[in-house]
Each structure stands twice: as C-alpha cells, then as structure tokens.
Amino acid sequence: AIGGLSVGEPKRDLVEMTEAVAGVLPSDR
C-alpha cells in the first residue's frame, strides 16, 4: 500500500509520489 497521501498535499505531489512508489513495487502483488 501507498500510505500518507491525500492528507493535504498538492494534487501534483499525489500523482508524483504514486508514480515514484508504483515503479518500485513488485508487479505480481
């Protein structure tokens, strides 16, 4: 899970952090 977002940060940061993490997480989970 990607936690700690949607807590007041700008929308662009939500998108950028999601991209940053998704690229590291295993594709088979």
PDB file of all heavy atoms in Angstrom:
ATOM      1  N   ALA A   1       0.833  -1.200   0.000  1.00  0.00           N
ATOM      2  CA  ALA A   1       0.000   0.000   0.000  1.00  0.00           C
ATOM      3  C   ALA A   1       0.867   1.248   0.000  1.00  0.00           C
ATOM      4  O   ALA A   1       1.973   1.252   0.555  1.00  0.00           O
ATOM      5  CB  ALA A   1      -0.923   0.002   1.219  1.00  0.00           C
ATOM      6  N   ILE A   2       0.341   2.280  -0.625  1.00  0.00           N
ATOM      7  CA  ILE A   2       0.983   3.598  -0.633  1.00  0.00           C
ATOM      8  C   ILE A   2       0.186   4.449   0.343  1.00  0.00           C
ATOM      9  O   ILE A   2      -0.967   4.795   0.094  1.00  0.00           O
ATOM     10  CB  ILE A   2       0.968   4.215  -2.039  1.00  0.00           C
ATOM     11  CG1 ILE A   2       1.624   3.267  -3.041  1.00  0.00           C
ATOM     12  CG2 ILE A   2       1.673   5.571  -2.041  1.00  0.00           C
ATOM     13  CD1 ILE A   2       1.418   3.681  -4.496  1.00  0.00           C
ATOM     14  N   GLY A   3       0.781   4.749   1.493  1.00  0.00           N
ATOM     15  CA  GLY A   3       0.088   5.483   2.540  1.00  0.00           C
ATOM     16  C   GLY A   3       0.587   6.914   2.664  1.00  0.00           C
ATOM     17  O   GLY A   3       1.554   7.313   2.019  1.00  0.00           O
ATOM     18  N   GLY A   4      -0.080   7.672   3.528  1.00  0.00           N
ATOM     19  CA  GLY A   4       0.378   9.016   3.846  1.00  0.00           C
ATOM     20  C   GLY A   4       0.149  10.041   2.766  1.00  0.00           C
ATOM     21  O   GLY A   4       0.769  11.112   2.782  1.00  0.00           O
ATOM     22  N   LEU A   5      -0.761   9.753   1.824  1.00  0.00           N
ATOM     23  CA  LEU A   5      -1.114  10.738   0.805  1.00  0.00           C
ATOM     24  C   LEU A   5      -2.585  11.129   0.982  1.00  0.00           C
ATOM     25  O   LEU A   5      -3.288  10.565   1.806  1.00  0.00           O
ATOM     26  CB  LEU A   5      -0.858  10.183  -0.597  1.00  0.00           C
ATOM     27  CG  LEU A   5       0.616   9.932  -0.926  1.00  0.00           C
ATOM     28  CD1 LEU A   5       0.763   9.241  -2.282  1.00  0.00           C
ATOM     29  CD2 LEU A   5       1.413  11.241  -0.909  1.00  0.00           C
ATOM     30  N   SER A   6      -3.007  12.128   0.215  1.00  0.00           N
ATOM     31  CA  SER A   6      -4.345  12.688   0.374  1.00  0.00           C
ATOM     32  C   SER A   6      -4.543  13.215   1.794  1.00  0.00           C
ATOM     33  O   SER A   6      -5.604  13.056   2.400  1.00  0.00           O
ATOM     34  CB  SER A   6      -5.425  11.652   0.037  1.00  0.00           C
ATOM     35  OG  SER A   6      -6.673  12.256  -0.152  1.00  0.00           O
ATOM     36  N   VAL A   7      -3.493  13.833   2.331  1.00  0.00           N
ATOM     37  CA  VAL A   7      -3.540  14.427   3.672  1.00  0.00           C
ATOM     38  C   VAL A   7      -3.302  15.929   3.623  1.00  0.00           C
ATOM     39  O   VAL A   7      -2.901  16.529   4.622  1.00  0.00           O
ATOM     40  CB  VAL A   7      -2.518  13.751   4.608  1.00  0.00           C
ATOM     41  CG1 VAL A   7      -2.916  12.315   4.889  1.00  0.00           C
ATOM     42  CG2 VAL A   7      -1.109  13.817   4.029  1.00  0.00           C
ATOM     43  N   GLY A   8      -3.559  16.524   2.440  1.00  0.00           N
ATOM     44  CA  GLY A   8      -3.422  17.972   2.298  1.00  0.00           C
ATOM     45  C   GLY A   8      -2.375  18.414   1.300  1.00  0.00           C
ATOM     46  O   GLY A   8      -2.251  19.608   1.007  1.00  0.00           O
ATOM     47  N   GLU A   9      -1.617  17.471   0.744  1.00  0.00           N
ATOM     48  CA  GLU A   9      -0.577  17.822  -0.216  1.00  0.00           C
ATOM     49  C   GLU A   9      -1.196  18.231  -1.558  1.00  0.00           C
ATOM     50  O   GLU A   9      -2.323  17.844  -1.869  1.00  0.00           O
ATOM     51  CB  GLU A   9       0.394  16.650  -0.417  1.00  0.00           C
ATOM     52  CG  GLU A   9      -0.132  15.509  -1.294  1.00  0.00           C
ATOM     53  CD  GLU A   9      -1.092  14.587  -0.593  1.00  0.00           C
ATOM     54  OE1 GLU A   9      -1.260  14.717   0.631  1.00  0.00           O
ATOM     55  OE2 GLU A   9      -1.690  13.730  -1.275  1.00  0.00           O
ATOM     56  N   PRO A  10      -0.482  19.034  -2.360  1.00  0.00           N
ATOM     57  CA  PRO A  10      -0.992  19.405  -3.691  1.00  0.00           C
ATOM     58  C   PRO A  10      -1.236  18.167  -4.550  1.00  0.00           C
ATOM     59  O   PRO A  10      -0.568  17.141  -4.387  1.00  0.00           O
ATOM     60  CB  PRO A  10       0.142  20.263  -4.282  1.00  0.00           C
ATOM     61  CG  PRO A  10       0.895  20.770  -3.097  1.00  0.00           C
ATOM     62  CD  PRO A  10       0.810  19.684  -2.065  1.00  0.00           C
ATOM     63  N   LYS A  11      -2.161  18.282  -5.459  1.00  0.00           N
ATOM     64  CA  LYS A  11      -2.527  17.147  -6.309  1.00  0.00           C
ATOM     65  C   LYS A  11      -1.328  16.634  -7.106  1.00  0.00           C
ATOM     66  O   LYS A  11      -1.183  15.425  -7.302  1.00  0.00           O
ATOM     67  CB  LYS A  11      -3.642  17.562  -7.257  1.00  0.00           C
ATOM     68  CG  LYS A  11      -4.265  16.414  -8.022  1.00  0.00           C
ATOM     69  CD  LYS A  11      -5.186  15.595  -7.139  1.00  0.00           C
ATOM     70  CE  LYS A  11      -6.455  16.338  -6.818  1.00  0.00           C
ATOM     71  NZ  LYS A  11      -7.411  15.500  -6.044  1.00  0.00           N
ATOM     72  N   ARG A  12      -0.471  17.525  -7.551  1.00  0.00           N
ATOM     73  CA  ARG A  12       0.686  17.086  -8.342  1.00  0.00           C
ATOM     74  C   ARG A  12       1.604  16.189  -7.518  1.00  0.00           C
ATOM     75  O   ARG A  12       2.223  15.258  -8.045  1.00  0.00           O
ATOM     76  CB  ARG A  12       1.464  18.294  -8.876  1.00  0.00           C
ATOM     77  CG  ARG A  12       2.118  19.148  -7.814  1.00  0.00           C
ATOM     78  CD  ARG A  12       2.907  20.310  -8.402  1.00  0.00           C
ATOM     79  NE  ARG A  12       3.543  21.118  -7.379  1.00  0.00           N
ATOM     80  CZ  ARG A  12       2.937  22.110  -6.720  1.00  0.00           C
ATOM     81  NH1 ARG A  12       1.669  22.399  -6.996  1.00  0.00           N
ATOM     82  NH2 ARG A  12       3.577  22.794  -5.799  1.00  0.00           N
ATOM     83  N   ASP A  13       1.692  16.458  -6.208  1.00  0.00           N
ATOM     84  CA  ASP A  13       2.525  15.616  -5.352  1.00  0.00           C
ATOM     85  C   ASP A  13       1.910  14.234  -5.184  1.00  0.00           C
ATOM     86  O   ASP A  13       2.632  13.228  -5.122  1.00  0.00           O
ATOM     87  CB  ASP A  13       2.715  16.272  -3.985  1.00  0.00           C
ATOM     88  CG  ASP A  13       3.635  17.476  -4.039  1.00  0.00           C
ATOM     89  OD1 ASP A  13       4.436  17.556  -4.987  1.00  0.00           O
ATOM     90  OD2 ASP A  13       3.560  18.336  -3.146  1.00  0.00           O
ATOM     91  N   LEU A  14       0.585  14.183  -5.096  1.00  0.00           N
ATOM     92  CA  LEU A  14      -0.093  12.887  -5.010  1.00  0.00           C
ATOM     93  C   LEU A  14       0.253  12.034  -6.223  1.00  0.00           C
ATOM     94  O   LEU A  14       0.602  10.851  -6.092  1.00  0.00           O
ATOM     95  CB  LEU A  14      -1.607  13.105  -4.926  1.00  0.00           C
ATOM     96  CG  LEU A  14      -2.508  11.870  -5.129  1.00  0.00           C
ATOM     97  CD1 LEU A  14      -2.258  10.829  -4.054  1.00  0.00           C
ATOM     98  CD2 LEU A  14      -3.978  12.285  -5.137  1.00  0.00           C
ATOM     99  N   VAL A  15       0.193  12.624  -7.396  1.00  0.00           N
ATOM    100  CA  VAL A  15       0.486  11.899  -8.632  1.00  0.00           C
ATOM    101  C   VAL A  15       1.957  11.501  -8.683  1.00  0.00           C
ATOM    102  O   VAL A  15       2.303  10.354  -8.993  1.00  0.00           O
ATOM    103  CB  VAL A  15       0.107  12.745  -9.859  1.00  0.00           C
ATOM    104  CG1 VAL A  15       0.564  12.068 -11.146  1.00  0.00           C
ATOM    105  CG2 VAL A  15      -1.408  12.983  -9.902  1.00  0.00           C
ATOM    106  N   GLU A  16       2.839  12.435  -8.356  1.00  0.00           N
ATOM    107  CA  GLU A  16       4.279  12.164  -8.443  1.00  0.00           C
ATOM    108  C   GLU A  16       4.705  11.082  -7.452  1.00  0.00           C
ATOM    109  O   GLU A  16       5.509  10.205  -7.786  1.00  0.00           O
ATOM    110  CB  GLU A  16       5.066  13.449  -8.189  1.00  0.00           C
ATOM    111  CG  GLU A  16       4.970  14.456  -9.332  1.00  0.00           C
ATOM    112  CD  GLU A  16       5.679  15.759  -9.014  1.00  0.00           C
ATOM    113  OE1 GLU A  16       6.298  15.839  -7.916  1.00  0.00           O
ATOM    114  OE2 GLU A  16       5.614  16.695  -9.820  1.00  0.00           O
ATOM    115  N   MET A  17       4.164  11.120  -6.235  1.00  0.00           N
ATOM    116  CA  MET A  17       4.540  10.110  -5.241  1.00  0.00           C
ATOM    117  C   MET A  17       3.991   8.738  -5.610  1.00  0.00           C
ATOM    118  O   MET A  17       4.640   7.717  -5.382  1.00  0.00           O
ATOM    119  CB  MET A  17       4.066  10.530  -3.851  1.00  0.00           C
ATOM    120  CG  MET A  17       4.738  11.782  -3.293  1.00  0.00           C
ATOM    121  SD  MET A  17       6.554  11.703  -3.258  1.00  0.00           S
ATOM    122  CE  MET A  17       6.970  12.697  -4.716  1.00  0.00           C
ATOM    123  N   THR A  18       2.813   8.717  -6.186  1.00  0.00           N
ATOM    124  CA  THR A  18       2.255   7.441  -6.645  1.00  0.00           C
ATOM    125  C   THR A  18       3.142   6.838  -7.718  1.00  0.00           C
ATOM    126  O   THR A  18       3.451   5.634  -7.690  1.00  0.00           O
ATOM    127  CB  THR A  18       0.824   7.640  -7.181  1.00  0.00           C
ATOM    128  OG1 THR A  18       0.007   8.204  -6.148  1.00  0.00           O
ATOM    129  CG2 THR A  18       0.220   6.329  -7.637  1.00  0.00           C
ATOM    130  N   GLU A  19       3.561   7.641  -8.666  1.00  0.00           N
ATOM    131  CA  GLU A  19       4.462   7.173  -9.718  1.00  0.00           C
ATOM    132  C   GLU A  19       5.783   6.684  -9.135  1.00  0.00           C
ATOM    133  O   GLU A  19       6.315   5.641  -9.537  1.00  0.00           O
ATOM    134  CB  GLU A  19       4.722   8.287 -10.725  1.00  0.00           C
ATOM    135  CG  GLU A  19       3.538   8.601 -11.627  1.00  0.00           C
ATOM    136  CD  GLU A  19       3.877   9.696 -12.635  1.00  0.00           C
ATOM    137  OE1 GLU A  19       4.867  10.421 -12.418  1.00  0.00           O
ATOM    138  OE2 GLU A  19       3.141   9.815 -13.632  1.00  0.00           O
ATOM    139  N   ALA A  20       6.321   7.440  -8.175  1.00  0.00           N
ATOM    140  CA  ALA A  20       7.621   7.096  -7.600  1.00  0.00           C
ATOM    141  C   ALA A  20       7.585   5.736  -6.925  1.00  0.00           C
ATOM    142  O   ALA A  20       8.533   4.944  -7.027  1.00  0.00           O
ATOM    143  CB  ALA A  20       8.045   8.175  -6.597  1.00  0.00           C
ATOM    144  N   VAL A  21       6.475   5.425  -6.238  1.00  0.00           N
ATOM    145  CA  VAL A  21       6.382   4.166  -5.492  1.00  0.00           C
ATOM    146  C   VAL A  21       5.982   3.004  -6.386  1.00  0.00           C
ATOM    147  O   VAL A  21       6.543   1.909  -6.296  1.00  0.00           O
ATOM    148  CB  VAL A  21       5.379   4.308  -4.323  1.00  0.00           C
ATOM    149  CG1 VAL A  21       5.189   2.970  -3.617  1.00  0.00           C
ATOM    150  CG2 VAL A  21       5.871   5.365  -3.343  1.00  0.00           C
ATOM    151  N   ALA A  22       4.996   3.221  -7.258  1.00  0.00           N
ATOM    152  CA  ALA A  22       4.492   2.124  -8.088  1.00  0.00           C
ATOM    153  C   ALA A  22       5.597   1.480  -8.913  1.00  0.00           C
ATOM    154  O   ALA A  22       5.588   0.268  -9.147  1.00  0.00           O
ATOM    155  CB  ALA A  22       3.372   2.616  -8.999  1.00  0.00           C
ATOM    156  N   GLY A  23       6.569   2.284  -9.317  1.00  0.00           N
ATOM    157  CA  GLY A  23       7.653   1.745 -10.123  1.00  0.00           C
ATOM    158  C   GLY A  23       8.596   0.830  -9.355  1.00  0.00           C
ATOM    159  O   GLY A  23       9.370   0.090  -9.958  1.00  0.00           O
ATOM    160  N   VAL A  24       8.527   0.865  -8.031  1.00  0.00           N
ATOM    161  CA  VAL A  24       9.407   0.053  -7.195  1.00  0.00           C
ATOM    162  C   VAL A  24       8.703  -1.218  -6.725  1.00  0.00           C
ATOM    163  O   VAL A  24       9.348  -2.241  -6.479  1.00  0.00           O
ATOM    164  CB  VAL A  24       9.885   0.872  -5.970  1.00  0.00           C
ATOM    165  CG1 VAL A  24      10.770   0.039  -5.053  1.00  0.00           C
ATOM    166  CG2 VAL A  24      10.620   2.124  -6.429  1.00  0.00           C
ATOM    167  N   LEU A  25       7.367  -1.167  -6.611  1.00  0.00           N
ATOM    168  CA  LEU A  25       6.623  -2.292  -6.048  1.00  0.00           C
ATOM    169  C   LEU A  25       6.585  -3.468  -7.013  1.00  0.00           C
ATOM    170  O   LEU A  25       6.555  -3.292  -8.227  1.00  0.00           O
ATOM    171  CB  LEU A  25       5.199  -1.849  -5.712  1.00  0.00           C
ATOM    172  CG  LEU A  25       5.087  -0.729  -4.667  1.00  0.00           C
ATOM    173  CD1 LEU A  25       3.633  -0.373  -4.440  1.00  0.00           C
ATOM    174  CD2 LEU A  25       5.763  -1.129  -3.358  1.00  0.00           C
ATOM    175  N   PRO A  26       6.565  -4.690  -6.494  1.00  0.00           N
ATOM    176  CA  PRO A  26       6.529  -5.883  -7.350  1.00  0.00           C
ATOM    177  C   PRO A  26       5.282  -5.897  -8.226  1.00  0.00           C
ATOM    178  O   PRO A  26       4.189  -5.551  -7.779  1.00  0.00           O
ATOM    179  CB  PRO A  26       6.500  -7.052  -6.349  1.00  0.00           C
ATOM    180  CG  PRO A  26       7.008  -6.485  -5.080  1.00  0.00           C
ATOM    181  CD  PRO A  26       6.600  -5.049  -5.059  1.00  0.00           C
ATOM    182  N   SER A  27       5.440  -6.316  -9.461  1.00  0.00           N
ATOM    183  CA  SER A  27       4.301  -6.332 -10.382  1.00  0.00           C
ATOM    184  C   SER A  27       3.361  -7.491 -10.131  1.00  0.00           C
ATOM    185  O   SER A  27       2.223  -7.476 -10.605  1.00  0.00           O
ATOM    186  CB  SER A  27       4.798  -6.381 -11.832  1.00  0.00           C
ATOM    187  OG  SER A  27       5.544  -7.562 -12.052  1.00  0.00           O
ATOM    188  N   ASP A  28       3.805  -8.490  -9.372  1.00  0.00           N
ATOM    189  CA  ASP A  28       2.959  -9.667  -9.145  1.00  0.00           C
ATOM    190  C   ASP A  28       2.242  -9.617  -7.794  1.00  0.00           C
ATOM    191  O   ASP A  28       1.784 -10.634  -7.290  1.00  0.00           O
ATOM    192  CB  ASP A  28       3.771 -10.949  -9.254  1.00  0.00           C
ATOM    193  CG  ASP A  28       4.897 -11.029  -8.233  1.00  0.00           C
ATOM    194  OD1 ASP A  28       5.153 -10.015  -7.535  1.00  0.00           O
ATOM    195  OD2 ASP A  28       5.506 -12.108  -8.105  1.00  0.00           O
ATOM    196  N   ARG A  29       2.154  -8.427  -7.214  1.00  0.00           N
ATOM    197  CA  ARG A  29       1.410  -8.233  -5.976  1.00  0.00           C
ATOM    198  C   ARG A  29       0.468  -7.032  -6.161  1.00  0.00           C
ATOM    199  O   ARG A  29       0.782  -6.085  -6.877  1.00  0.00           O
ATOM    200  CB  ARG A  29       2.344  -7.959  -4.798  1.00  0.00           C
ATOM    201  CG  ARG A  29       3.250  -9.117  -4.440  1.00  0.00           C
ATOM    202  CD  ARG A  29       2.456 -10.256  -3.810  1.00  0.00           C
ATOM    203  NE  ARG A  29       3.321 -11.329  -3.337  1.00  0.00           N
ATOM    204  CZ  ARG A  29       3.720 -12.354  -4.062  1.00  0.00           C
ATOM    205  NH1 ARG A  29       3.349 -12.452  -5.332  1.00  0.00           N
ATOM    206  NH2 ARG A  29       4.485 -13.290  -3.542  1.00  0.00           N
TER     207      ARG A  29
END
